[in-house]
């Protein structure tokens, strides 16, 4: 947390006064949606999950699947409206000034403490001070106001110790990884940091590589992943890689191959649980209609997307569309019951990889079947 002295309090008060919201506007904490596990129970008590499922299944069209994960259900408030549903940011800027003010205040506090040298950087280059003071406040504007991310299942992430989060990947630009990082830190009771495993291309890119290191990302290799997990860090991987993030819009929410199951081998060796993560909303921020493969090969890129706005609108085409997001953290898949040789057994690795992939895919289907409007949900 940032410490303020007397002089900085006065400057902070001026910033807050400059960006102050009307007296009747909701506070930042009220606007941010939290999972019910972090809220005090309402009086009278809210409807139970079974009541909610029964009331929604009467008129909802569900996908023709038998979900593995049955705890992703629609949640209603006392008035019978879906919890966390907000209008499109294109028509409502409620709380935007507050979010900008928070970012300015965090940045000012970061610069003050940076000058004193009161911060640490670990062996991987992770800078918690920079992440909490600059990166996360900037990402919260997208998280809270643009994508209006709803988070469920956060109680499935352990309060301490290592765990491997495995998620679906999409969106042309991997913004889903950034939003998942914000979801874990801001919604978990312990405000845990997420250490992301990224591809080589991220670290070979100027500026992006340095930013990725400082915000907790590291190269997606077995040695680094094992070291993080054994050190008790929450570590995340997106096994679809560029095949997932660069797939066409017509293939949205259809999981690509999970490679050879290297993430399962890593989890088995570190004896940490695997937490499946399902993300809905990322597929619609840059609907990829085509891929300029010949040009991509010349430039050494995995793909060059053609979307409804890019390259037609030039730089404006880089602005993501404001789709409504939902991130669900599934129940942990334990690996501690396996012996040390399990990581070298191809059948064990294959079975666990297939189980994790199917868990995410079925949960995506269930979430999509209960989804409202893509952009106005």
Protein backbone atom coordinates (compact mmCIF):
# COMPACT_ATOMS: atom_id res chain seq x y z
CA UNK A 1 0.00 0.00 0.00
CA UNK A 2 1.16 3.57 -0.71
CA UNK A 3 1.97 5.69 2.37
CA UNK A 4 1.09 9.38 2.24
CA UNK A 5 2.79 12.19 4.23
CA UNK A 6 1.09 15.48 5.18
CA UNK A 7 2.05 17.36 2.02
CA UNK A 8 1.00 14.54 -0.29
CA UNK A 9 -2.36 14.32 1.53
CA UNK A 10 -3.05 17.93 0.59
CA UNK A 11 -2.13 17.32 -3.04
CA UNK A 12 -4.21 14.13 -3.09
CA UNK A 13 -7.20 16.01 -1.67
CA UNK A 14 -6.94 18.52 -4.52
CA UNK A 15 -6.85 15.73 -7.12
CA UNK A 16 -9.85 14.05 -5.52
CA UNK A 17 -11.73 17.38 -5.46
CA UNK A 18 -10.87 17.98 -9.12
CA UNK A 19 -12.24 14.63 -10.22
CA UNK A 20 -14.97 14.31 -7.61
CA UNK A 21 -18.21 12.59 -8.55
CA UNK A 22 -21.63 13.95 -7.52
CA UNK A 23 -22.67 13.15 -3.90
CA UNK A 24 -25.27 10.62 -5.04
CA UNK A 25 -22.92 8.77 -7.40
CA UNK A 26 -21.81 5.27 -6.34
CA UNK A 27 -18.35 4.93 -4.89
CA UNK A 28 -15.61 3.00 -6.65
CA UNK A 29 -16.06 0.06 -4.29
CA UNK A 30 -19.82 0.09 -4.91
CA UNK A 31 -19.40 0.16 -8.67
CA UNK A 32 -16.90 -2.69 -8.78
CA UNK A 33 -18.63 -6.03 -8.92
CA UNK A 34 -17.45 -8.58 -6.42
CA UNK A 35 -18.14 -12.26 -6.20
CA UNK A 36 -20.76 -13.09 -3.53
CA UNK A 37 -18.12 -14.99 -1.55
CA UNK A 38 -16.53 -11.62 -0.72
CA UNK A 39 -19.75 -9.85 0.23
CA UNK A 40 -21.71 -9.87 3.47
CA UNK A 41 -24.91 -11.86 3.18
CA UNK A 42 -27.96 -9.72 2.43
CA UNK A 43 -30.96 -9.54 4.77
CA UNK A 44 -33.20 -11.27 3.96
CA UNK A 45 -31.00 -13.97 2.48
CA UNK A 46 -30.55 -14.08 -1.30
CA UNK A 47 -32.04 -16.91 -3.38
CA UNK A 48 -30.13 -20.16 -3.28
CA UNK A 49 -28.33 -21.54 -6.34
CA UNK A 50 -30.99 -24.22 -6.78
CA UNK A 51 -33.74 -21.59 -6.77
CA UNK A 52 -31.87 -19.53 -9.33
CA UNK A 53 -31.28 -22.47 -11.65
CA UNK A 54 -34.94 -23.46 -11.45
CA UNK A 55 -36.16 -19.95 -12.25
CA UNK A 56 -33.81 -19.55 -15.21
CA UNK A 57 -34.14 -22.96 -16.77
CA UNK A 58 -37.87 -22.41 -17.29
CA UNK A 59 -37.29 -19.93 -20.12
CA UNK A 60 -33.59 -20.21 -20.94
CA UNK A 61 -32.23 -21.93 -24.02
CA UNK A 62 -29.37 -24.14 -22.92
CA UNK A 63 -26.66 -25.66 -25.05
CA UNK A 64 -27.05 -29.29 -26.01
CA UNK A 65 -24.29 -30.52 -23.73
CA UNK A 66 -23.91 -32.09 -20.31
CA UNK A 67 -21.63 -29.67 -18.50
CA UNK A 68 -18.86 -31.01 -16.31
CA UNK A 69 -18.89 -27.83 -14.23
CA UNK A 70 -22.38 -27.25 -12.85
CA UNK A 71 -21.61 -24.26 -10.64
CA UNK A 72 -21.77 -21.65 -13.42
CA UNK A 73 -25.32 -20.37 -13.03
CA UNK A 74 -27.12 -17.12 -13.68
CA UNK A 75 -27.35 -14.96 -10.54
CA UNK A 76 -30.30 -12.68 -9.84
CA UNK A 77 -30.81 -9.81 -7.45
CA UNK A 78 -33.90 -9.16 -5.33
CA UNK A 79 -35.67 -7.59 -8.30
CA UNK A 80 -35.07 -10.64 -10.45
CA UNK A 81 -32.41 -8.98 -12.63
CA UNK A 82 -29.01 -10.52 -13.44
CA UNK A 83 -26.35 -9.43 -10.96
CA UNK A 84 -23.56 -7.34 -12.43
CA UNK A 85 -25.41 -6.36 -15.60
CA UNK A 86 -24.59 -2.82 -16.61
CA UNK A 87 -25.20 -0.68 -19.66
CA UNK A 88 -22.75 -0.23 -22.48
CA UNK A 89 -19.93 2.25 -21.76
CA UNK A 90 -20.80 3.84 -25.09
CA UNK A 91 -23.89 5.33 -23.41
CA UNK A 92 -22.94 5.45 -19.72
CA UNK A 93 -19.75 6.92 -18.22
CA UNK A 94 -20.74 6.39 -14.61
CA UNK A 95 -17.66 6.20 -12.41
CA UNK A 96 -15.21 6.94 -15.23
CA UNK A 97 -13.94 10.12 -13.59
CA UNK A 98 -13.43 8.23 -10.34
CA UNK A 99 -11.42 5.54 -12.14
CA UNK A 100 -9.22 8.15 -13.84
CA UNK A 101 -8.71 9.94 -10.51
CA UNK A 102 -7.66 6.67 -8.86
CA UNK A 103 -5.13 6.08 -11.64
CA UNK A 104 -3.69 9.59 -11.23
CA UNK A 105 -3.43 9.23 -7.45
CA UNK A 106 -1.78 5.79 -7.72
CA UNK A 107 0.68 7.11 -10.29
CA UNK A 108 1.62 10.05 -8.07
CA UNK A 109 2.18 7.78 -5.09
CA UNK A 110 4.24 5.42 -7.24
CA UNK A 111 6.55 8.20 -8.41
CA UNK A 112 7.06 9.49 -4.86
CA UNK A 113 8.02 6.08 -3.45
CA UNK A 114 10.09 5.26 -6.54
CA UNK A 115 12.34 8.21 -5.82
CA UNK A 116 13.03 6.86 -2.33
CA UNK A 117 14.05 3.45 -3.68
CA UNK A 118 11.58 1.71 -1.37
CA UNK A 119 10.75 -1.22 -3.65
CA UNK A 120 12.01 -4.68 -4.62
CA UNK A 121 12.36 -6.65 -7.86
CA UNK A 122 12.61 -10.45 -7.83
CA UNK A 123 14.89 -12.71 -9.87
CA UNK A 124 12.39 -12.83 -12.75
CA UNK A 125 12.19 -9.05 -13.00
CA UNK A 126 8.78 -8.81 -11.33
CA UNK A 127 8.20 -5.40 -9.76
CA UNK A 128 5.18 -5.54 -7.38
CA UNK A 129 5.48 -1.81 -6.66
CA UNK A 130 5.19 -0.88 -10.35
CA UNK A 131 2.43 -3.46 -10.91
CA UNK A 132 0.26 -2.23 -8.05
CA UNK A 133 0.98 1.47 -8.49
CA UNK A 134 0.87 1.88 -12.27
CA UNK A 135 -0.11 -1.23 -14.24
CA UNK A 136 -3.19 -2.41 -12.34
CA UNK A 137 -4.78 1.06 -11.97
CA UNK A 138 -4.46 1.55 -15.75
CA UNK A 139 -5.96 -1.88 -16.49
CA UNK A 140 -8.88 -1.29 -14.09
CA UNK A 141 -10.32 1.34 -16.43
CA UNK A 142 -10.71 -1.36 -19.10
CA UNK A 143 -11.71 -4.02 -16.59
CA UNK A 144 -14.42 -2.06 -14.76
CA UNK A 145 -15.68 0.50 -17.27
CA UNK A 146 -15.07 -0.87 -20.76
CA UNK A 147 -15.42 -4.65 -20.53
CA UNK A 148 -17.45 -4.58 -17.28
CA UNK A 149 -15.90 -7.89 -16.26
CA UNK A 150 -17.97 -10.20 -14.06
CA UNK A 151 -15.93 -12.62 -11.94
CA UNK A 152 -17.17 -15.88 -10.41
CA UNK A 153 -15.49 -18.84 -8.72
CA UNK A 154 -12.75 -16.74 -7.11
CA UNK A 155 -13.10 -18.88 -3.96
CA UNK A 156 -11.53 -21.75 -5.94
CA UNK A 157 -8.17 -19.96 -5.94
CA UNK A 158 -6.19 -20.91 -2.80
CA UNK A 159 -5.32 -18.24 -0.25
CA UNK A 160 -1.68 -19.32 -0.27
CA UNK A 161 0.66 -21.68 -2.05
CA UNK A 162 1.18 -22.41 -5.73
CA UNK A 163 -1.52 -23.22 -8.28
CA UNK A 164 -1.54 -23.40 -12.07
CA UNK A 165 -4.37 -21.49 -13.78
CA UNK A 166 -5.16 -22.75 -17.29
CA UNK A 167 -7.40 -20.60 -19.51
CA UNK A 168 -8.80 -20.35 -23.02
CA UNK A 169 -7.06 -17.80 -25.24
CA UNK A 170 -8.58 -15.44 -27.81
CA UNK A 171 -9.02 -11.86 -28.93
CA UNK A 172 -6.38 -11.20 -31.65
CA UNK A 173 -4.41 -9.25 -29.01
CA UNK A 174 -3.97 -11.18 -25.71
CA UNK A 175 -5.89 -8.74 -23.53
CA UNK A 176 -7.55 -11.72 -21.82
CA UNK A 177 -4.31 -12.41 -19.94
CA UNK A 178 -4.23 -8.85 -18.59
CA UNK A 179 -7.89 -8.94 -17.52
CA UNK A 180 -7.35 -12.28 -15.76
CA UNK A 181 -4.47 -10.75 -13.82
CA UNK A 182 -6.71 -7.87 -12.66
CA UNK A 183 -9.52 -10.30 -11.75
CA UNK A 184 -7.24 -12.37 -9.50
CA UNK A 185 -5.65 -9.41 -7.73
CA UNK A 186 -8.78 -7.29 -7.24
CA UNK A 187 -11.30 -10.02 -6.40
CA UNK A 188 -9.23 -12.44 -4.34
CA UNK A 189 -9.41 -11.82 -0.56
CA UNK A 190 -5.60 -11.87 -0.35
CA UNK A 191 -5.13 -9.66 -3.46
CA UNK A 192 -2.71 -12.20 -4.94
CA UNK A 193 -0.54 -11.42 -7.95
CA UNK A 194 -0.78 -13.61 -11.06
CA UNK A 195 2.47 -14.69 -12.70
CA UNK A 196 1.77 -15.19 -16.40
CA UNK A 197 3.70 -17.51 -18.73
CA UNK A 198 4.16 -15.73 -22.07
CA UNK A 199 5.50 -16.65 -25.51
CA UNK A 200 8.96 -15.72 -26.80
CA UNK A 201 7.50 -13.04 -29.09
CA UNK A 202 6.36 -10.98 -26.10
CA UNK A 203 9.89 -10.71 -24.71
CA UNK A 204 11.48 -10.08 -28.10
CA UNK A 205 9.29 -7.01 -28.69
CA UNK A 206 10.70 -3.64 -27.60
CA UNK A 207 8.97 -2.06 -24.60
CA UNK A 208 6.46 -4.93 -24.42
CA UNK A 209 9.12 -7.33 -23.18
CA UNK A 210 10.26 -5.01 -20.37
CA UNK A 211 6.68 -4.25 -19.36
CA UNK A 212 5.82 -7.96 -19.32
CA UNK A 213 8.76 -8.75 -17.03
CA UNK A 214 7.98 -5.95 -14.62
CA UNK A 215 4.31 -6.95 -14.32
CA UNK A 216 5.02 -10.59 -13.48
CA UNK A 217 5.25 -12.42 -16.80
CA UNK A 218 8.02 -14.85 -17.56
CA UNK A 219 8.99 -17.12 -20.44
CA UNK A 220 6.70 -20.11 -20.88
CA UNK A 221 9.34 -22.75 -20.19
CA UNK A 222 9.25 -25.68 -17.80
CA UNK A 223 12.14 -24.55 -15.60
CA UNK A 224 10.72 -21.08 -14.88
CA UNK A 225 7.18 -22.40 -14.42
CA UNK A 226 8.29 -25.05 -11.92
CA UNK A 227 10.36 -22.54 -9.98
CA UNK A 228 7.39 -20.17 -9.67
CA UNK A 229 5.00 -22.91 -8.60
CA UNK A 230 7.38 -24.40 -6.05
CA UNK A 231 7.87 -20.89 -4.71
CA UNK A 232 4.14 -20.70 -3.95
CA UNK A 233 3.17 -18.36 -6.81
CA UNK A 234 -0.12 -18.32 -8.69
CA UNK A 235 0.97 -19.06 -12.25
CA UNK A 236 -1.17 -18.87 -15.39
CA UNK A 237 -0.81 -20.43 -18.83
CA UNK A 238 -2.83 -20.21 -22.04
CA UNK A 239 -2.03 -23.54 -23.80
CA UNK A 240 -3.73 -22.63 -27.09
CA UNK A 241 -1.02 -20.04 -27.72
CA UNK A 242 -1.17 -18.17 -31.02
CA UNK A 243 -3.56 -20.80 -32.43
CA UNK A 244 -6.17 -19.57 -29.97
CA UNK A 245 -5.54 -15.85 -29.88
CA UNK A 246 -5.32 -15.68 -33.70
CA UNK A 247 -8.27 -17.86 -34.70
CA UNK A 248 -11.05 -16.55 -36.93
CA UNK A 249 -14.31 -15.20 -35.56
CA UNK A 250 -16.26 -18.11 -37.05
CA UNK A 251 -14.29 -20.43 -34.74
CA UNK A 252 -14.94 -18.40 -31.58
CA UNK A 253 -15.11 -20.31 -28.29
CA UNK A 254 -13.91 -23.51 -29.95
CA UNK A 255 -10.77 -24.53 -28.10
CA UNK A 256 -7.70 -25.31 -30.17
CA UNK A 257 -5.19 -28.04 -29.29
CA UNK A 258 -3.51 -27.77 -25.91
CA UNK A 259 -0.15 -28.81 -27.27
CA UNK A 260 1.56 -31.82 -25.71
CA UNK A 261 0.39 -31.18 -22.18
CA UNK A 262 3.54 -29.52 -20.92
CA UNK A 263 1.53 -27.55 -18.36
CA UNK A 264 0.22 -30.79 -16.86
CA UNK A 265 3.75 -32.17 -16.54
CA UNK A 266 4.80 -29.00 -14.75
CA UNK A 267 1.85 -29.14 -12.35
CA UNK A 268 2.53 -32.82 -11.57
CA UNK A 269 6.20 -32.18 -10.80
CA UNK A 270 5.37 -29.23 -8.56
CA UNK A 271 2.40 -31.10 -6.99
CA UNK A 272 0.08 -28.09 -7.31
CA UNK A 273 -3.62 -27.98 -8.27
CA UNK A 274 -4.73 -27.05 -11.78
CA UNK A 275 -7.51 -24.45 -11.91
CA UNK A 276 -9.46 -24.28 -15.21
CA UNK A 277 -10.37 -20.72 -16.21
CA UNK A 278 -13.15 -19.95 -18.70
CA UNK A 279 -13.33 -16.50 -20.31
CA UNK A 280 -16.33 -15.24 -22.28
CA UNK A 281 -16.19 -11.87 -24.03
CA UNK A 282 -12.63 -11.82 -25.34
CA UNK A 283 -13.61 -13.27 -28.72
CA UNK A 284 -15.65 -10.19 -29.65
CA UNK A 285 -13.19 -7.33 -28.96
CA UNK A 286 -11.48 -7.73 -32.36
CA UNK A 287 -13.64 -10.04 -34.53
CA UNK A 288 -11.02 -11.53 -36.84
CA UNK A 289 -12.55 -12.06 -40.30
CA UNK A 290 -9.38 -12.95 -42.19
CA UNK A 291 -5.63 -13.40 -41.83
CA UNK A 292 -3.07 -11.81 -44.15
CA UNK A 293 -0.76 -14.83 -43.95
CA UNK A 294 1.67 -13.93 -46.80
CA UNK A 295 2.38 -10.53 -45.26
CA UNK A 296 2.61 -12.07 -41.79
CA UNK A 297 5.30 -14.50 -42.99
CA UNK A 298 7.31 -11.66 -44.51
CA UNK A 299 7.18 -9.69 -41.26
CA UNK A 300 7.84 -12.75 -39.09
CA UNK A 301 4.51 -12.49 -37.27
CA UNK A 302 2.13 -15.35 -36.40
CA UNK A 303 -0.75 -13.55 -38.15
CA UNK A 304 -1.98 -10.15 -39.34
CA UNK A 305 -5.68 -9.78 -38.59
CA UNK A 306 -8.40 -8.24 -40.72
CA UNK A 307 -11.30 -7.09 -38.53
CA UNK A 308 -14.37 -4.91 -39.21
CA UNK A 309 -12.36 -1.90 -38.02
CA UNK A 310 -8.75 -2.80 -38.90
CA UNK A 311 -6.99 -1.86 -41.15
CA UNK A 312 -9.98 0.06 -42.56
CA UNK A 313 -10.02 2.68 -39.77
CA UNK A 314 -6.26 2.79 -39.28
CA UNK A 315 -5.18 3.44 -35.67
CA UNK A 316 -8.83 3.70 -34.58
CA UNK A 317 -9.17 0.04 -35.54
CA UNK A 318 -6.93 -0.82 -32.58
CA UNK A 319 -9.59 0.27 -30.10
CA UNK A 320 -11.22 -2.93 -28.74
CA UNK A 321 -14.98 -3.25 -29.00
CA UNK A 322 -16.73 -3.02 -25.59
CA UNK A 323 -17.96 -6.58 -25.20
CA UNK A 324 -19.32 -7.75 -21.83
CA UNK A 325 -16.90 -10.19 -20.16
CA UNK A 326 -17.33 -13.02 -17.68
CA UNK A 327 -14.33 -14.81 -16.13
CA UNK A 328 -15.03 -18.02 -14.19
CA UNK A 329 -12.46 -19.86 -12.09
CA UNK A 330 -13.37 -23.54 -11.92
CA UNK A 331 -12.87 -26.06 -9.15
CA UNK A 332 -9.25 -27.15 -8.65
CA UNK A 333 -8.09 -30.40 -10.22
CA UNK A 334 -5.74 -31.90 -7.63
CA UNK A 335 -2.43 -33.47 -8.65
CA UNK A 336 -0.99 -34.25 -5.22
CA UNK A 337 -2.32 -37.82 -5.29
CA UNK A 338 -0.03 -38.75 -8.20
CA UNK A 339 3.45 -40.16 -7.58
CA UNK A 340 6.69 -38.68 -8.87
CA UNK A 341 6.72 -40.90 -11.97
CA UNK A 342 3.29 -39.68 -13.15
CA UNK A 343 4.84 -36.66 -14.89
CA UNK A 344 6.77 -39.05 -17.15
CA UNK A 345 3.73 -41.21 -17.98
CA UNK A 346 2.29 -40.10 -21.37
CA UNK A 347 -1.13 -41.59 -20.60
CA UNK A 348 -1.48 -39.73 -17.31
CA UNK A 349 -0.40 -36.47 -18.93
CA UNK A 350 -2.75 -36.99 -21.89
CA UNK A 351 -5.74 -37.85 -19.68
CA UNK A 352 -5.25 -34.83 -17.42
CA UNK A 353 -4.71 -32.51 -20.40
CA UNK A 354 -7.90 -33.75 -22.04
CA UNK A 355 -9.82 -33.41 -18.77
CA UNK A 356 -8.72 -29.78 -18.26
CA UNK A 357 -9.51 -28.89 -21.88
CA UNK A 358 -12.95 -30.50 -21.72
CA UNK A 359 -13.71 -28.80 -18.41
CA UNK A 360 -13.01 -25.37 -19.93
CA UNK A 361 -14.89 -26.12 -23.16
CA UNK A 362 -18.03 -27.38 -21.42
CA UNK A 363 -18.01 -24.44 -19.01
CA UNK A 364 -17.74 -22.05 -21.95
CA UNK A 365 -20.79 -23.67 -23.54
CA UNK A 366 -22.74 -23.32 -20.33
CA UNK A 367 -21.75 -19.67 -19.89
CA UNK A 368 -22.65 -18.88 -23.50
CA UNK A 369 -26.07 -20.53 -23.16
CA UNK A 370 -26.91 -18.14 -20.31
CA UNK A 371 -25.35 -15.08 -21.89
CA UNK A 372 -27.29 -11.90 -22.65
CA UNK A 373 -26.29 -9.36 -25.28
CA UNK A 374 -22.67 -9.50 -26.44
CA UNK A 375 -22.10 -5.76 -26.06
CA UNK A 376 -25.04 -4.60 -23.93
CA UNK A 377 -25.24 -7.52 -21.51
